Protein backbone atom coordinates (compact mmCIF):
# COMPACT_ATOMS: atom_id res chain seq x y z
CA UNK A 1 -68.45 -91.66 -48.30
CA UNK A 2 -68.49 -93.92 -45.29
CA UNK A 3 -66.62 -92.67 -42.23
CA UNK A 4 -64.30 -95.70 -42.06
CA UNK A 5 -63.37 -95.24 -45.73
CA UNK A 6 -62.59 -91.56 -45.08
CA UNK A 7 -60.42 -92.57 -42.10
CA UNK A 8 -58.49 -95.11 -44.18
CA UNK A 9 -57.96 -92.49 -46.88
CA UNK A 10 -56.73 -89.99 -44.27
CA UNK A 11 -54.30 -92.50 -42.75
CA UNK A 12 -52.89 -93.43 -46.18
CA UNK A 13 -52.52 -89.78 -47.19
CA UNK A 14 -50.82 -88.86 -43.91
CA UNK A 15 -48.53 -91.87 -44.31
CA UNK A 16 -47.64 -90.90 -47.88
CA UNK A 17 -46.93 -87.31 -46.85
CA UNK A 18 -44.61 -88.40 -44.06
CA UNK A 19 -42.94 -91.01 -46.31
CA UNK A 20 -42.23 -88.29 -48.85
CA UNK A 21 -40.49 -86.21 -46.20
CA UNK A 22 -38.62 -89.13 -44.60
CA UNK A 23 -37.32 -90.69 -47.87
CA UNK A 24 -34.64 -87.99 -48.39
CA UNK A 25 -33.55 -88.56 -44.80
CA UNK A 26 -33.03 -92.22 -45.70
CA UNK A 27 -30.93 -91.12 -48.69
CA UNK A 28 -28.86 -88.92 -46.41
CA UNK A 29 -28.31 -91.87 -44.05
CA UNK A 30 -27.19 -93.89 -47.07
CA UNK A 31 -24.65 -91.26 -48.03
CA UNK A 32 -23.20 -91.36 -44.53
CA UNK A 33 -23.32 -95.11 -43.86
CA UNK A 34 -22.60 -96.37 -47.38
CA UNK A 35 -20.53 -93.62 -48.97
CA UNK A 36 -18.80 -95.99 -51.43
CA UNK A 37 -22.05 -97.68 -52.53
CA UNK A 38 -20.97 -101.18 -51.50
CA UNK A 39 -24.27 -102.09 -49.84
CA UNK A 40 -27.28 -103.15 -51.91
CA UNK A 41 -29.76 -101.06 -49.97
CA UNK A 42 -32.58 -98.88 -51.22
CA UNK A 43 -31.88 -95.98 -48.89
CA UNK A 44 -35.01 -94.02 -49.81
CA UNK A 45 -37.04 -96.99 -48.58
CA UNK A 46 -35.09 -96.96 -45.31
CA UNK A 47 -36.67 -93.59 -44.61
CA UNK A 48 -39.91 -93.99 -46.53
CA UNK A 49 -41.28 -97.17 -44.96
CA UNK A 50 -41.04 -96.03 -41.34
CA UNK A 51 -42.31 -92.60 -42.41
CA UNK A 52 -45.40 -94.14 -43.97
CA UNK A 53 -46.06 -96.35 -40.95
CA UNK A 54 -45.54 -93.50 -38.47
CA UNK A 55 -47.85 -91.21 -40.43
CA UNK A 56 -50.59 -93.83 -40.61
CA UNK A 57 -50.23 -94.77 -36.93
CA UNK A 58 -50.20 -91.07 -35.98
CA UNK A 59 -53.44 -90.47 -37.87
CA UNK A 60 -55.03 -93.49 -36.21
CA UNK A 61 -53.89 -92.56 -32.69
CA UNK A 62 -55.05 -89.00 -33.27
CA UNK A 63 -58.44 -90.14 -34.54
CA UNK A 64 -58.99 -92.45 -31.58
CA UNK A 65 -57.92 -90.00 -28.90
CA UNK A 66 -58.93 -86.62 -30.37
CA UNK A 67 -61.94 -87.54 -32.49
CA UNK A 68 -64.09 -84.48 -31.78
CA UNK A 69 -61.61 -81.68 -32.51
CA UNK A 70 -60.33 -80.60 -35.91
CA UNK A 71 -56.65 -81.27 -36.41
CA UNK A 72 -55.74 -77.60 -36.71
CA UNK A 73 -57.50 -76.85 -33.39
CA UNK A 74 -55.29 -79.21 -31.35
CA UNK A 75 -52.51 -77.84 -29.14
CA UNK A 76 -48.93 -78.46 -30.24
CA UNK A 77 -48.05 -80.39 -27.08
CA UNK A 78 -50.75 -83.01 -27.63
CA UNK A 79 -49.93 -83.37 -31.31
CA UNK A 80 -46.23 -83.89 -30.52
CA UNK A 81 -47.15 -86.42 -27.83
CA UNK A 82 -49.24 -88.38 -30.34
CA UNK A 83 -46.40 -88.16 -32.86
CA UNK A 84 -43.95 -89.47 -30.27
CA UNK A 85 -46.32 -92.32 -29.46
CA UNK A 86 -46.46 -93.35 -33.10
CA UNK A 87 -42.66 -93.15 -33.29
CA UNK A 88 -42.20 -95.42 -30.29
CA UNK A 89 -44.71 -97.95 -31.62
CA UNK A 90 -43.16 -98.09 -35.09
CA UNK A 91 -39.59 -97.99 -33.73
CA UNK A 92 -40.23 -101.08 -31.63
CA UNK A 93 -41.63 -103.09 -34.58
CA UNK A 94 -38.34 -104.57 -35.84
CA UNK A 95 -37.49 -105.80 -32.36
CA UNK A 96 -40.94 -107.22 -31.68
CA UNK A 97 -41.46 -108.91 -35.06
CA UNK A 98 -38.06 -110.44 -35.71
CA UNK A 99 -34.60 -111.15 -34.48
CA UNK A 100 -32.10 -108.36 -35.02
CA UNK A 101 -28.50 -109.43 -35.35
CA UNK A 102 -25.70 -106.95 -35.78
CA UNK A 103 -21.99 -107.42 -35.65
CA UNK A 104 -21.19 -103.75 -35.16
CA UNK A 105 -23.39 -102.59 -32.27
CA UNK A 106 -24.99 -104.39 -29.36
CA UNK A 107 -28.68 -105.02 -29.97
CA UNK A 108 -29.79 -102.81 -27.05
CA UNK A 109 -27.79 -99.85 -28.40
CA UNK A 110 -29.17 -100.36 -31.90
CA UNK A 111 -32.66 -100.46 -30.38
CA UNK A 112 -32.12 -97.21 -28.53
CA UNK A 113 -30.76 -95.51 -31.66
CA UNK A 114 -33.63 -96.68 -33.85
CA UNK A 115 -36.42 -95.97 -31.38
CA UNK A 116 -35.10 -92.55 -30.33
CA UNK A 117 -34.44 -91.38 -33.89
CA UNK A 118 -37.83 -92.53 -35.20
CA UNK A 119 -39.58 -91.01 -32.17
CA UNK A 120 -37.89 -87.64 -32.71
CA UNK A 121 -38.59 -87.66 -36.44
CA UNK A 122 -42.20 -88.55 -35.76
CA UNK A 123 -42.67 -85.76 -33.20
CA UNK A 124 -41.12 -83.22 -35.59
CA UNK A 125 -43.28 -84.51 -38.45
CA UNK A 126 -46.39 -84.20 -36.29
CA UNK A 127 -45.48 -80.61 -35.40
CA UNK A 128 -44.82 -79.85 -39.06
CA UNK A 129 -48.16 -81.37 -40.06
CA UNK A 130 -49.94 -79.21 -37.49
CA UNK A 131 -48.12 -76.08 -38.67
CA UNK A 132 -49.05 -76.89 -42.27
CA UNK A 133 -52.70 -77.49 -41.31
CA UNK A 134 -52.88 -74.19 -39.42
CA UNK A 135 -51.25 -72.35 -42.30
CA UNK A 136 -53.66 -73.93 -44.78
CA UNK A 137 -56.68 -73.02 -42.63
CA UNK A 138 -55.45 -69.44 -42.20
CA UNK A 139 -54.84 -69.12 -45.94
CA UNK A 140 -58.23 -70.50 -46.98
CA UNK A 141 -60.57 -68.96 -44.44
CA UNK A 142 -61.66 -65.51 -43.58
CA UNK A 143 -61.61 -66.18 -39.83
CA UNK A 144 -58.19 -66.04 -38.16
CA UNK A 145 -56.77 -69.21 -36.61
CA UNK A 146 -55.17 -68.96 -33.19
CA UNK A 147 -51.53 -70.00 -33.15
């Protein structure tokens, strides 16, 4: 399989994994924000879409900057930094691509809330992905993996 096709597959799979984890977070946000069900919002998508984008961007940033090392060989600090980078990039998208109007919060405060929350979720997801990769490698190999 061509390398670029393998990279696209990896980015899509990472995005789907993160979307699967972030979708319940979107449902939880929906329970808090829209407890009476008055809004016509698909709350799983509120978590799933940014999760997919952050996972795909994370995989791409990781591939560009850390191309020679295996994922499970990377240090936690660098993986979290790449996860934070993907969170900042995806968190800024709504403000770069369109006009955000809100009657409840000032736009700058909404921007800070969105960018900070997506950045934190992305860093935690990156750390979780690394922990899962190290666990998987340890489970399926005879050589021990350094923690």
